Amino acid sequence: MRLIGMLDSPYVRRVAISLQLMELPFSHEALSVFRNFEAFSAINPVVKAPTFVTDDGVVLMDSALILEYLERLVASGRSLTPKERPALARAQRITGLALAASDKSVQIVYERNLRPPEKHHQPWLDRVQGQLEAAYGLLEQEIAAAKPWLFEDRPLQADITSAVAWRFTQMELPGLISEARHPSLAALSARAEKLPAFLAFPPV
């Protein structure tokens, strides 16, 4: 199995870390959707990261769909989603908030870095930042229950995606979201980033 995309993408990184924690063998190809457009398009003409190629040669995209597929392959005891319905619903809520935070962070990064300054639309940036702050505020409330992880004695997808999202925002948009106002998230991220699976796939 092949994972294609740069680890500075929170979506690529969460899939890579998940594969490692699931103990599923794969190769990682660090292709940029910008710098390596032609090489990437030869694998997936849509040029969307992450792209994932199954052992049967099927090309998948979108981290949520890739992870859904991987859950069908994972060995017993290595699943990253809770089995009980109430816990699953809460895990999906937390993961959704973390993905929303990633989405809004990416929108701000793109607006700042890909559009010329005279084209920046401040009302749009203000709206997106408000959504980002709301996502992290709600996520902080959920993460406060982590002891040290949210559902088991190991990190599951809700932990992984929350930690990856937080690190991405702090790296790409330093100072935008206060660590002091989100101590539980900052602590969860710090714990996660010390794990071998996270260290194996740094966000660079």
N, C-alpha and C. Protein backbone atom coordinates (compact mmCIF):
# COMPACT_ATOMS: atom_id res chain seq x y z
N MET A 1 0.85 -1.19 0.00
CA MET A 1 0.00 0.00 0.00
C MET A 1 0.88 1.23 0.00
N ARG A 2 0.39 2.29 -0.67
CA ARG A 2 1.16 3.51 -0.84
C ARG A 2 0.36 4.71 -0.36
N LEU A 3 1.02 5.58 0.39
CA LEU A 3 0.43 6.85 0.81
C LEU A 3 1.22 7.96 0.13
N ILE A 4 0.51 8.83 -0.59
CA ILE A 4 1.17 9.89 -1.33
C ILE A 4 0.71 11.23 -0.78
N GLY A 5 1.69 12.09 -0.48
CA GLY A 5 1.40 13.43 0.01
C GLY A 5 2.43 13.88 1.02
N MET A 6 2.48 15.17 1.26
CA MET A 6 3.44 15.75 2.18
C MET A 6 2.90 15.73 3.61
N LEU A 7 3.80 15.51 4.56
CA LEU A 7 3.40 15.41 5.96
C LEU A 7 3.10 16.76 6.59
N ASP A 8 3.34 17.86 5.87
CA ASP A 8 2.90 19.14 6.39
C ASP A 8 1.39 19.32 6.23
N SER A 9 0.75 18.39 5.52
CA SER A 9 -0.71 18.34 5.46
C SER A 9 -1.24 17.56 6.66
N PRO A 10 -2.15 18.14 7.45
CA PRO A 10 -2.69 17.38 8.58
C PRO A 10 -3.46 16.14 8.15
N TYR A 11 -3.98 16.15 6.94
CA TYR A 11 -4.76 15.01 6.45
C TYR A 11 -3.84 13.85 6.08
N VAL A 12 -2.74 14.16 5.41
CA VAL A 12 -1.75 13.12 5.09
C VAL A 12 -1.15 12.57 6.38
N ARG A 13 -0.81 13.48 7.28
CA ARG A 13 -0.13 13.04 8.51
C ARG A 13 -1.02 12.16 9.37
N ARG A 14 -2.31 12.46 9.47
CA ARG A 14 -3.17 11.63 10.32
C ARG A 14 -3.32 10.23 9.73
N VAL A 15 -3.31 10.12 8.40
CA VAL A 15 -3.37 8.79 7.79
C VAL A 15 -2.08 8.03 8.05
N ALA A 16 -0.93 8.69 7.89
CA ALA A 16 0.36 8.03 8.11
C ALA A 16 0.48 7.52 9.55
N ILE A 17 0.14 8.36 10.51
CA ILE A 17 0.22 7.96 11.92
C ILE A 17 -0.75 6.84 12.21
N SER A 18 -1.94 6.92 11.65
CA SER A 18 -2.94 5.86 11.85
C SER A 18 -2.46 4.53 11.30
N LEU A 19 -1.90 4.54 10.10
CA LEU A 19 -1.35 3.31 9.53
C LEU A 19 -0.30 2.70 10.44
N GLN A 20 0.56 3.55 10.99
CA GLN A 20 1.61 3.07 11.89
C GLN A 20 1.01 2.44 13.14
N LEU A 21 0.02 3.10 13.73
CA LEU A 21 -0.61 2.58 14.94
C LEU A 21 -1.45 1.33 14.67
N MET A 22 -1.98 1.23 13.46
CA MET A 22 -2.71 0.03 13.06
C MET A 22 -1.78 -1.13 12.71
N GLU A 23 -0.49 -0.82 12.59
CA GLU A 23 0.52 -1.82 12.22
C GLU A 23 0.25 -2.40 10.84
N LEU A 24 -0.17 -1.52 9.92
CA LEU A 24 -0.39 -1.91 8.54
C LEU A 24 0.81 -1.45 7.70
N PRO A 25 1.45 -2.34 6.96
CA PRO A 25 2.63 -1.96 6.17
C PRO A 25 2.25 -1.07 4.99
N PHE A 26 3.07 -0.05 4.75
CA PHE A 26 2.82 0.87 3.64
C PHE A 26 4.10 1.62 3.32
N SER A 27 4.13 2.21 2.15
CA SER A 27 5.23 3.11 1.78
C SER A 27 4.67 4.53 1.68
N HIS A 28 5.51 5.49 2.03
CA HIS A 28 5.10 6.89 1.96
C HIS A 28 5.91 7.60 0.89
N GLU A 29 5.22 8.31 -0.01
CA GLU A 29 5.85 9.06 -1.07
C GLU A 29 5.54 10.54 -0.87
N ALA A 30 6.56 11.31 -0.51
CA ALA A 30 6.37 12.71 -0.15
C ALA A 30 6.33 13.59 -1.39
N LEU A 31 5.20 13.56 -2.07
CA LEU A 31 5.00 14.39 -3.25
C LEU A 31 4.12 15.59 -2.90
N SER A 32 4.53 16.75 -3.37
CA SER A 32 3.76 17.97 -3.13
C SER A 32 2.76 18.20 -4.26
N VAL A 33 1.57 18.64 -3.89
CA VAL A 33 0.57 18.95 -4.92
C VAL A 33 0.95 20.20 -5.69
N PHE A 34 1.91 20.96 -5.18
CA PHE A 34 2.38 22.17 -5.87
C PHE A 34 3.69 21.89 -6.62
N ARG A 35 4.72 21.47 -5.89
CA ARG A 35 6.05 21.32 -6.51
C ARG A 35 6.16 20.09 -7.39
N ASN A 36 5.38 19.05 -7.09
CA ASN A 36 5.48 17.78 -7.84
C ASN A 36 4.18 17.47 -8.56
N PHE A 37 3.57 18.49 -9.13
CA PHE A 37 2.23 18.34 -9.70
C PHE A 37 2.19 17.23 -10.76
N GLU A 38 3.16 17.20 -11.68
CA GLU A 38 3.12 16.22 -12.76
C GLU A 38 3.31 14.80 -12.23
N ALA A 39 4.27 14.62 -11.31
CA ALA A 39 4.50 13.29 -10.73
C ALA A 39 3.28 12.83 -9.95
N PHE A 40 2.67 13.75 -9.22
CA PHE A 40 1.47 13.43 -8.44
C PHE A 40 0.32 13.07 -9.39
N SER A 41 0.15 13.85 -10.45
CA SER A 41 -0.96 13.61 -11.37
C SER A 41 -0.83 12.28 -12.10
N ALA A 42 0.40 11.76 -12.22
CA ALA A 42 0.59 10.45 -12.84
C ALA A 42 0.01 9.34 -11.98
N ILE A 43 -0.07 9.58 -10.67
CA ILE A 43 -0.67 8.62 -9.74
C ILE A 43 -2.16 8.87 -9.59
N ASN A 44 -2.51 10.14 -9.42
CA ASN A 44 -3.91 10.54 -9.25
C ASN A 44 -4.13 11.84 -10.02
N PRO A 45 -4.79 11.78 -11.17
CA PRO A 45 -4.99 12.99 -11.99
C PRO A 45 -5.71 14.12 -11.26
N VAL A 46 -6.43 13.79 -10.20
CA VAL A 46 -7.12 14.84 -9.44
C VAL A 46 -6.11 15.64 -8.61
N VAL A 47 -4.96 15.05 -8.32
CA VAL A 47 -3.89 15.67 -7.53
C VAL A 47 -4.43 16.16 -6.19
N LYS A 48 -4.91 15.21 -5.41
CA LYS A 48 -5.47 15.51 -4.09
C LYS A 48 -4.69 14.74 -3.04
N ALA A 49 -4.26 15.45 -1.99
CA ALA A 49 -3.55 14.81 -0.89
C ALA A 49 -4.46 14.74 0.34
N PRO A 50 -4.45 13.57 1.01
CA PRO A 50 -3.67 12.39 0.66
C PRO A 50 -4.31 11.59 -0.47
N THR A 51 -3.44 10.91 -1.20
CA THR A 51 -3.85 9.87 -2.13
C THR A 51 -3.32 8.57 -1.60
N PHE A 52 -4.11 7.52 -1.73
CA PHE A 52 -3.74 6.21 -1.20
C PHE A 52 -4.00 5.16 -2.27
N VAL A 53 -3.01 4.29 -2.47
CA VAL A 53 -3.14 3.23 -3.47
C VAL A 53 -3.18 1.90 -2.72
N THR A 54 -4.27 1.16 -2.89
CA THR A 54 -4.42 -0.13 -2.21
C THR A 54 -3.52 -1.17 -2.86
N ASP A 55 -3.41 -2.32 -2.20
CA ASP A 55 -2.62 -3.43 -2.76
C ASP A 55 -3.19 -3.91 -4.08
N ASP A 56 -4.48 -3.64 -4.31
CA ASP A 56 -5.11 -4.02 -5.57
C ASP A 56 -5.01 -2.94 -6.63
N GLY A 57 -4.32 -1.84 -6.29
CA GLY A 57 -4.13 -0.77 -7.26
C GLY A 57 -5.25 0.24 -7.34
N VAL A 58 -6.20 0.19 -6.41
CA VAL A 58 -7.29 1.16 -6.40
C VAL A 58 -6.79 2.45 -5.77
N VAL A 59 -7.04 3.57 -6.43
CA VAL A 59 -6.60 4.87 -5.93
C VAL A 59 -7.73 5.52 -5.13
N LEU A 60 -7.45 5.77 -3.86
CA LEU A 60 -8.42 6.41 -2.97
C LEU A 60 -7.94 7.81 -2.63
N MET A 61 -8.88 8.68 -2.27
CA MET A 61 -8.53 10.01 -1.80
C MET A 61 -9.51 10.44 -0.73
N ASP A 62 -9.11 11.45 0.03
CA ASP A 62 -9.84 11.96 1.18
C ASP A 62 -9.48 11.12 2.40
N SER A 63 -8.92 11.77 3.41
CA SER A 63 -8.41 11.02 4.57
C SER A 63 -9.49 10.24 5.29
N ALA A 64 -10.70 10.78 5.39
CA ALA A 64 -11.77 10.07 6.09
C ALA A 64 -12.13 8.77 5.37
N LEU A 65 -12.19 8.81 4.04
CA LEU A 65 -12.53 7.62 3.28
C LEU A 65 -11.39 6.60 3.30
N ILE A 66 -10.17 7.09 3.26
CA ILE A 66 -9.01 6.18 3.36
C ILE A 66 -9.02 5.46 4.70
N LEU A 67 -9.26 6.20 5.77
CA LEU A 67 -9.26 5.59 7.10
C LEU A 67 -10.44 4.63 7.28
N GLU A 68 -11.55 4.94 6.67
CA GLU A 68 -12.69 4.01 6.71
C GLU A 68 -12.30 2.69 6.05
N TYR A 69 -11.62 2.77 4.92
CA TYR A 69 -11.14 1.55 4.24
C TYR A 69 -10.16 0.79 5.12
N LEU A 70 -9.23 1.51 5.74
CA LEU A 70 -8.21 0.85 6.56
C LEU A 70 -8.81 0.14 7.77
N GLU A 71 -9.91 0.68 8.29
CA GLU A 71 -10.56 0.02 9.43
C GLU A 71 -11.06 -1.38 9.06
N ARG A 72 -11.28 -1.63 7.77
CA ARG A 72 -11.70 -2.96 7.33
C ARG A 72 -10.52 -3.93 7.24
N LEU A 73 -9.30 -3.40 7.26
CA LEU A 73 -8.11 -4.22 7.13
C LEU A 73 -7.41 -4.50 8.46
N VAL A 74 -7.69 -3.67 9.43
CA VAL A 74 -6.91 -3.68 10.66
C VAL A 74 -7.12 -4.97 11.46
N ALA A 75 -6.04 -5.41 12.11
CA ALA A 75 -6.11 -6.61 12.94
C ALA A 75 -6.93 -6.34 14.20
N SER A 76 -7.43 -7.41 14.79
CA SER A 76 -8.21 -7.29 16.02
C SER A 76 -7.39 -6.58 17.09
N GLY A 77 -8.02 -5.62 17.76
CA GLY A 77 -7.34 -4.90 18.82
C GLY A 77 -6.55 -3.69 18.35
N ARG A 78 -6.48 -3.45 17.03
CA ARG A 78 -5.74 -2.30 16.52
C ARG A 78 -6.65 -1.26 15.87
N SER A 79 -7.95 -1.46 15.95
CA SER A 79 -8.88 -0.47 15.42
C SER A 79 -8.71 0.85 16.15
N LEU A 80 -8.96 1.94 15.45
CA LEU A 80 -8.82 3.27 16.04
C LEU A 80 -10.17 3.94 16.31
N THR A 81 -11.24 3.16 16.26
CA THR A 81 -12.57 3.70 16.56
C THR A 81 -13.22 2.85 17.65
N PRO A 82 -13.92 3.49 18.59
CA PRO A 82 -14.62 2.72 19.63
C PRO A 82 -15.71 1.84 19.04
N LYS A 83 -15.99 0.75 19.69
CA LYS A 83 -17.00 -0.18 19.18
C LYS A 83 -18.40 0.18 19.67
N GLU A 84 -18.52 0.68 20.89
CA GLU A 84 -19.83 0.99 21.45
C GLU A 84 -20.40 2.26 20.83
N ARG A 85 -21.70 2.25 20.53
CA ARG A 85 -22.31 3.35 19.79
C ARG A 85 -22.18 4.71 20.47
N PRO A 86 -22.45 4.84 21.78
CA PRO A 86 -22.30 6.17 22.40
C PRO A 86 -20.86 6.70 22.30
N ALA A 87 -19.89 5.83 22.55
CA ALA A 87 -18.50 6.25 22.46
C ALA A 87 -18.12 6.60 21.02
N LEU A 88 -18.66 5.82 20.06
CA LEU A 88 -18.38 6.08 18.66
C LEU A 88 -18.93 7.45 18.25
N ALA A 89 -20.15 7.76 18.70
CA ALA A 89 -20.73 9.06 18.35
C ALA A 89 -19.88 10.20 18.90
N ARG A 90 -19.42 10.06 20.13
CA ARG A 90 -18.58 11.12 20.71
C ARG A 90 -17.23 11.19 19.99
N ALA A 91 -16.66 10.05 19.65
CA ALA A 91 -15.40 10.05 18.92
C ALA A 91 -15.55 10.72 17.57
N GLN A 92 -16.66 10.46 16.89
CA GLN A 92 -16.89 11.10 15.60
C GLN A 92 -17.09 12.61 15.74
N ARG A 93 -17.73 13.02 16.83
CA ARG A 93 -17.90 14.46 17.08
C ARG A 93 -16.53 15.12 17.26
N ILE A 94 -15.68 14.50 18.08
CA ILE A 94 -14.35 15.07 18.36
C ILE A 94 -13.52 15.11 17.08
N THR A 95 -13.54 14.01 16.34
CA THR A 95 -12.79 13.97 15.08
C THR A 95 -13.31 15.02 14.11
N GLY A 96 -14.63 15.20 14.05
CA GLY A 96 -15.21 16.21 13.18
C GLY A 96 -14.78 17.62 13.55
N LEU A 97 -14.73 17.90 14.86
CA LEU A 97 -14.27 19.22 15.31
C LEU A 97 -12.81 19.44 14.92
N ALA A 98 -11.99 18.41 15.10
CA ALA A 98 -10.58 18.52 14.75
C ALA A 98 -10.39 18.71 13.25
N LEU A 99 -11.19 18.02 12.46
CA LEU A 99 -11.11 18.20 11.00
C LEU A 99 -11.58 19.59 10.60
N ALA A 100 -12.62 20.09 11.27
CA ALA A 100 -13.08 21.45 10.98
C ALA A 100 -11.98 22.46 11.30
N ALA A 101 -11.28 22.24 12.42
CA ALA A 101 -10.17 23.13 12.77
C ALA A 101 -9.06 23.05 11.72
N SER A 102 -8.78 21.86 11.22
CA SER A 102 -7.79 21.71 10.15
C SER A 102 -8.24 22.44 8.90
N ASP A 103 -9.50 22.24 8.52
CA ASP A 103 -10.03 22.88 7.31
C ASP A 103 -9.91 24.40 7.39
N LYS A 104 -10.31 24.96 8.52
CA LYS A 104 -10.29 26.42 8.66
C LYS A 104 -8.85 26.94 8.72
N SER A 105 -7.96 26.18 9.34
CA SER A 105 -6.55 26.57 9.35
C SER A 105 -5.99 26.60 7.94
N VAL A 106 -6.29 25.55 7.16
CA VAL A 106 -5.81 25.48 5.78
C VAL A 106 -6.36 26.66 4.97
N GLN A 107 -7.63 27.01 5.16
CA GLN A 107 -8.22 28.13 4.43
C GLN A 107 -7.47 29.43 4.72
N ILE A 108 -7.12 29.64 5.98
CA ILE A 108 -6.39 30.86 6.35
C ILE A 108 -4.99 30.84 5.75
N VAL A 109 -4.32 29.69 5.83
CA VAL A 109 -2.98 29.58 5.25
C VAL A 109 -3.02 29.87 3.76
N TYR A 110 -3.98 29.29 3.06
CA TYR A 110 -4.08 29.51 1.61
C TYR A 110 -4.38 30.97 1.30
N GLU A 111 -5.28 31.57 2.06
CA GLU A 111 -5.63 32.97 1.81
C GLU A 111 -4.41 33.87 2.01
N ARG A 112 -3.63 33.57 3.04
CA ARG A 112 -2.47 34.40 3.35
C ARG A 112 -1.31 34.16 2.38
N ASN A 113 -1.11 32.90 2.00
CA ASN A 113 0.11 32.53 1.27
C ASN A 113 -0.05 32.41 -0.24
N LEU A 114 -1.27 32.14 -0.70
CA LEU A 114 -1.46 31.90 -2.13
C LEU A 114 -2.10 33.07 -2.87
N ARG A 115 -2.74 33.94 -2.12
CA ARG A 115 -3.35 35.11 -2.76
C ARG A 115 -2.49 36.34 -2.49
N PRO A 116 -2.33 37.22 -3.45
CA PRO A 116 -1.55 38.44 -3.21
C PRO A 116 -2.23 39.29 -2.14
N PRO A 117 -1.43 40.01 -1.34
CA PRO A 117 -2.01 40.78 -0.22
C PRO A 117 -3.16 41.69 -0.62
N GLU A 118 -3.07 42.30 -1.81
CA GLU A 118 -4.14 43.22 -2.21
C GLU A 118 -5.45 42.50 -2.52
N LYS A 119 -5.38 41.17 -2.64
CA LYS A 119 -6.58 40.37 -2.91
C LYS A 119 -7.18 39.76 -1.65
N HIS A 120 -6.51 39.93 -0.50
CA HIS A 120 -7.04 39.36 0.74
C HIS A 120 -8.39 39.98 1.07
N HIS A 121 -9.31 39.14 1.48
CA HIS A 121 -10.65 39.62 1.83
C HIS A 121 -10.82 39.48 3.34
N GLN A 122 -10.63 40.57 4.06
CA GLN A 122 -10.60 40.50 5.52
C GLN A 122 -11.91 40.00 6.13
N PRO A 123 -13.07 40.40 5.63
CA PRO A 123 -14.31 39.84 6.21
C PRO A 123 -14.35 38.32 6.12
N TRP A 124 -13.86 37.77 5.02
CA TRP A 124 -13.82 36.31 4.89
C TRP A 124 -12.84 35.72 5.90
N LEU A 125 -11.66 36.32 6.03
CA LEU A 125 -10.68 35.83 7.01
C LEU A 125 -11.24 35.90 8.42
N ASP A 126 -11.94 36.98 8.75
CA ASP A 126 -12.52 37.12 10.09
C ASP A 126 -13.55 36.02 10.34
N ARG A 127 -14.34 35.73 9.34
CA ARG A 127 -15.36 34.69 9.49
C ARG A 127 -14.71 33.32 9.69
N VAL A 128 -13.70 33.01 8.89
CA VAL A 128 -13.04 31.72 9.00
C VAL A 128 -12.32 31.61 10.34
N GLN A 129 -11.68 32.69 10.79
CA GLN A 129 -11.02 32.65 12.09
C GLN A 129 -12.02 32.42 13.21
N GLY A 130 -13.21 33.03 13.10
CA GLY A 130 -14.25 32.79 14.09
C GLY A 130 -14.66 31.32 14.14
N GLN A 131 -14.78 30.70 12.97
CA GLN A 131 -15.11 29.28 12.91
C GLN A 131 -13.99 28.44 13.51
N LEU A 132 -12.74 28.83 13.23
CA LEU A 132 -11.59 28.11 13.79
C LEU A 132 -11.59 28.19 15.31
N GLU A 133 -11.82 29.38 15.83
CA GLU A 133 -11.86 29.56 17.29
C GLU A 133 -12.99 28.76 17.91
N ALA A 134 -14.14 28.71 17.25
CA ALA A 134 -15.27 27.94 17.76
C ALA A 134 -14.94 26.45 17.79
N ALA A 135 -14.32 25.94 16.72
CA ALA A 135 -13.95 24.53 16.67
C ALA A 135 -12.99 24.17 17.79
N TYR A 136 -11.98 25.00 17.99
CA TYR A 136 -11.01 24.70 19.05
C TYR A 136 -11.59 24.90 20.45
N GLY A 137 -12.51 25.85 20.61
CA GLY A 137 -13.15 26.02 21.90
C GLY A 137 -13.96 24.80 22.30
N LEU A 138 -14.73 24.26 21.35
CA LEU A 138 -15.51 23.06 21.61
C LEU A 138 -14.61 21.84 21.80
N LEU A 139 -13.54 21.79 21.01
CA LEU A 139 -12.61 20.67 21.12
C LEU A 139 -11.91 20.69 22.48
N GLU A 140 -11.55 21.84 22.97
CA GLU A 140 -10.93 21.95 24.30
C GLU A 140 -11.84 21.36 25.37
N GLN A 141 -13.14 21.63 25.28
CA GLN A 141 -14.08 21.08 26.25
C GLN A 141 -14.09 19.55 26.22
N GLU A 142 -14.03 18.99 25.02
CA GLU A 142 -14.05 17.54 24.88
C GLU A 142 -12.74 16.90 25.36
N ILE A 143 -11.62 17.53 25.04
CA ILE A 143 -10.31 16.97 25.35
C ILE A 143 -10.03 16.99 26.84
N ALA A 144 -10.71 17.85 27.57
CA ALA A 144 -10.47 17.96 29.02
C ALA A 144 -10.68 16.63 29.74
N ALA A 145 -11.44 15.72 29.13
CA ALA A 145 -11.72 14.43 29.75
C ALA A 145 -10.63 13.38 29.50
N ALA A 146 -9.62 13.70 28.72
CA ALA A 146 -8.57 12.73 28.37
C ALA A 146 -7.74 12.37 29.59
N LYS A 147 -7.54 11.04 29.82
CA LYS A 147 -6.81 10.58 31.02
C LYS A 147 -5.91 9.38 30.71
N PRO A 148 -4.83 9.44 30.01
CA PRO A 148 -4.37 10.59 29.25
C PRO A 148 -4.99 10.65 27.85
N TRP A 149 -5.65 9.51 27.42
CA TRP A 149 -6.30 9.48 26.12
C TRP A 149 -7.81 9.48 26.30
N LEU A 150 -8.53 9.68 25.25
CA LEU A 150 -9.96 9.95 25.35
C LEU A 150 -10.83 8.73 25.61
N PHE A 151 -10.45 7.57 25.04
CA PHE A 151 -11.36 6.43 25.10
C PHE A 151 -10.71 5.16 25.65
N GLU A 152 -9.43 4.97 25.40
CA GLU A 152 -8.74 3.77 25.85
C GLU A 152 -7.40 4.17 26.45
N ASP A 153 -6.58 3.16 26.75
CA ASP A 153 -5.25 3.45 27.28
C ASP A 153 -4.24 3.68 26.16
N ARG A 154 -4.73 3.92 24.96
CA ARG A 154 -3.91 4.22 23.80
C ARG A 154 -4.67 5.24 22.96
N PRO A 155 -3.97 5.99 22.11
CA PRO A 155 -4.68 6.98 21.30
C PRO A 155 -5.49 6.33 20.18
N LEU A 156 -6.72 6.80 20.03
CA LEU A 156 -7.57 6.39 18.92
C LEU A 156 -7.67 7.56 17.93
N GLN A 157 -8.52 7.42 16.93
CA GLN A 157 -8.55 8.41 15.86
C GLN A 157 -8.90 9.81 16.38
N ALA A 158 -9.77 9.90 17.36
CA ALA A 158 -10.12 11.21 17.91
C ALA A 158 -8.90 11.89 18.52
N ASP A 159 -8.08 11.12 19.23
CA ASP A 159 -6.85 11.68 19.80
C ASP A 159 -5.87 12.08 18.70
N ILE A 160 -5.69 11.19 17.73
CA ILE A 160 -4.72 11.42 16.65
C ILE A 160 -5.06 12.68 15.88
N THR A 161 -6.30 12.77 15.43
CA THR A 161 -6.70 13.90 14.59
C THR A 161 -6.67 15.20 15.36
N SER A 162 -7.05 15.18 16.64
CA SER A 162 -6.99 16.38 17.47
C SER A 162 -5.56 16.86 17.64
N ALA A 163 -4.66 15.92 17.94
CA ALA A 163 -3.25 16.29 18.15
C ALA A 163 -2.62 16.81 16.86
N VAL A 164 -2.92 16.16 15.75
CA VAL A 164 -2.36 16.58 14.46
C VAL A 164 -2.89 17.96 14.07
N ALA A 165 -4.18 18.18 14.25
CA ALA A 165 -4.77 19.48 13.91
C ALA A 165 -4.14 20.59 14.74
N TRP A 166 -4.01 20.37 16.03
CA TRP A 166 -3.44 21.39 16.92
C TRP A 166 -2.02 21.73 16.51
N ARG A 167 -1.20 20.70 16.25
CA ARG A 167 0.19 20.95 15.86
C ARG A 167 0.24 21.74 14.54
N PHE A 168 -0.61 21.39 13.61
CA PHE A 168 -0.64 22.09 12.32
C PHE A 168 -0.96 23.57 12.50
N THR A 169 -1.99 23.86 13.26
CA THR A 169 -2.38 25.25 13.46
C THR A 169 -1.28 26.03 14.16
N GLN A 170 -0.68 25.43 15.18
CA GLN A 170 0.36 26.12 15.92
C GLN A 170 1.60 26.37 15.06
N MET A 171 1.90 25.45 14.14
CA MET A 171 3.05 25.61 13.27
C MET A 171 2.80 26.63 12.16
N GLU A 172 1.65 26.53 11.54
CA GLU A 172 1.36 27.35 10.36
C GLU A 172 0.79 28.72 10.69
N LEU A 173 0.13 28.82 11.84
CA LEU A 173 -0.52 30.08 12.23
C LEU A 173 -0.14 30.43 13.66
N PRO A 174 1.15 30.58 13.94
CA PRO A 174 1.58 30.80 15.33
C PRO A 174 0.94 32.04 15.94
N GLY A 175 0.46 31.84 17.17
CA GLY A 175 -0.14 32.94 17.90
C GLY A 175 -1.60 33.20 17.60
N LEU A 176 -2.14 32.56 16.58
CA LEU A 176 -3.54 32.82 16.22
C LEU A 176 -4.50 32.20 17.24
N ILE A 177 -4.20 30.99 17.67
CA ILE A 177 -5.01 30.29 18.67
C ILE A 177 -4.17 30.13 19.93
N SER A 178 -4.63 30.71 21.02
CA SER A 178 -3.86 30.76 22.26
C SER A 178 -3.71 29.38 22.91
N GLU A 179 -2.48 29.00 23.20
CA GLU A 179 -2.25 27.76 23.94
C GLU A 179 -2.75 27.90 25.36
N ALA A 180 -2.63 29.08 25.95
CA ALA A 180 -3.05 29.29 27.33
C ALA A 180 -4.55 29.06 27.51
N ARG A 181 -5.32 29.34 26.45
CA ARG A 181 -6.78 29.15 26.53
C ARG A 181 -7.19 27.73 26.15
N HIS A 182 -6.23 26.91 25.73
CA HIS A 182 -6.52 25.54 25.33
C HIS A 182 -5.50 24.58 25.95
N PRO A 183 -5.40 24.57 27.28
CA PRO A 183 -4.37 23.76 27.94
C PRO A 183 -4.53 22.26 27.73
N SER A 184 -5.76 21.78 27.66
CA SER A 184 -5.97 20.34 27.47
C SER A 184 -5.53 19.90 26.09
N LEU A 185 -5.85 20.70 25.09
CA LEU A 185 -5.42 20.39 23.72
C LEU A 185 -3.90 20.44 23.60
N ALA A 186 -3.30 21.46 24.19
CA ALA A 186 -1.84 21.59 24.13
C ALA A 186 -1.18 20.40 24.81
N ALA A 187 -1.74 19.96 25.93
CA ALA A 187 -1.17 18.82 26.66
C ALA A 187 -1.34 17.52 25.87
N LEU A 188 -2.53 17.33 25.28
CA LEU A 188 -2.76 16.14 24.46
C LEU A 188 -1.78 16.08 23.30
N SER A 189 -1.60 17.20 22.64
CA SER A 189 -0.68 17.26 21.51
C SER A 189 0.75 16.95 21.95
N ALA A 190 1.16 17.51 23.07
CA ALA A 190 2.52 17.25 23.57
C ALA A 190 2.73 15.78 23.88
N ARG A 191 1.73 15.14 24.49
CA ARG A 191 1.83 13.70 24.78
C ARG A 191 1.94 12.90 23.50
N ALA A 192 1.06 13.23 22.55
CA ALA A 192 1.02 12.48 21.30
C ALA A 192 2.32 12.62 20.53
N GLU A 193 2.87 13.82 20.49
CA GLU A 193 4.05 14.06 19.67
C GLU A 193 5.29 13.32 20.19
N LYS A 194 5.22 12.77 21.39
CA LYS A 194 6.33 11.98 21.94
C LYS A 194 6.24 10.51 21.56
N LEU A 195 5.10 10.10 21.00
CA LEU A 195 4.91 8.69 20.64
C LEU A 195 5.71 8.34 19.39
N PRO A 196 6.20 7.09 19.30
CA PRO A 196 6.99 6.69 18.13
C PRO A 196 6.26 6.91 16.80
N ALA A 197 4.97 6.65 16.76
CA ALA A 197 4.22 6.80 15.50
C ALA A 197 4.19 8.26 15.05
N PHE A 198 4.10 9.18 15.98
CA PHE A 198 4.13 10.60 15.65
C PHE A 198 5.54 11.05 15.27
N LEU A 199 6.53 10.57 16.03
CA LEU A 199 7.92 10.93 15.72
C LEU A 199 8.36 10.40 14.36
N ALA A 200 7.77 9.26 13.95
CA ALA A 200 8.14 8.68 12.65
C ALA A 200 7.65 9.52 11.48
N PHE A 201 6.62 10.33 11.73
CA PHE A 201 6.03 11.14 10.64
C PHE A 201 5.88 12.58 11.12
N PRO A 202 7.00 13.29 11.21
CA PRO A 202 6.94 14.69 11.66
C PRO A 202 6.29 15.58 10.61
N PRO A 203 5.69 16.69 11.02
CA PRO A 203 4.95 17.55 10.09
C PRO A 203 5.84 18.48 9.27
N VAL A 204 6.77 17.90 8.55
CA VAL A 204 7.68 18.71 7.73
C VAL A 204 7.77 18.13 6.34
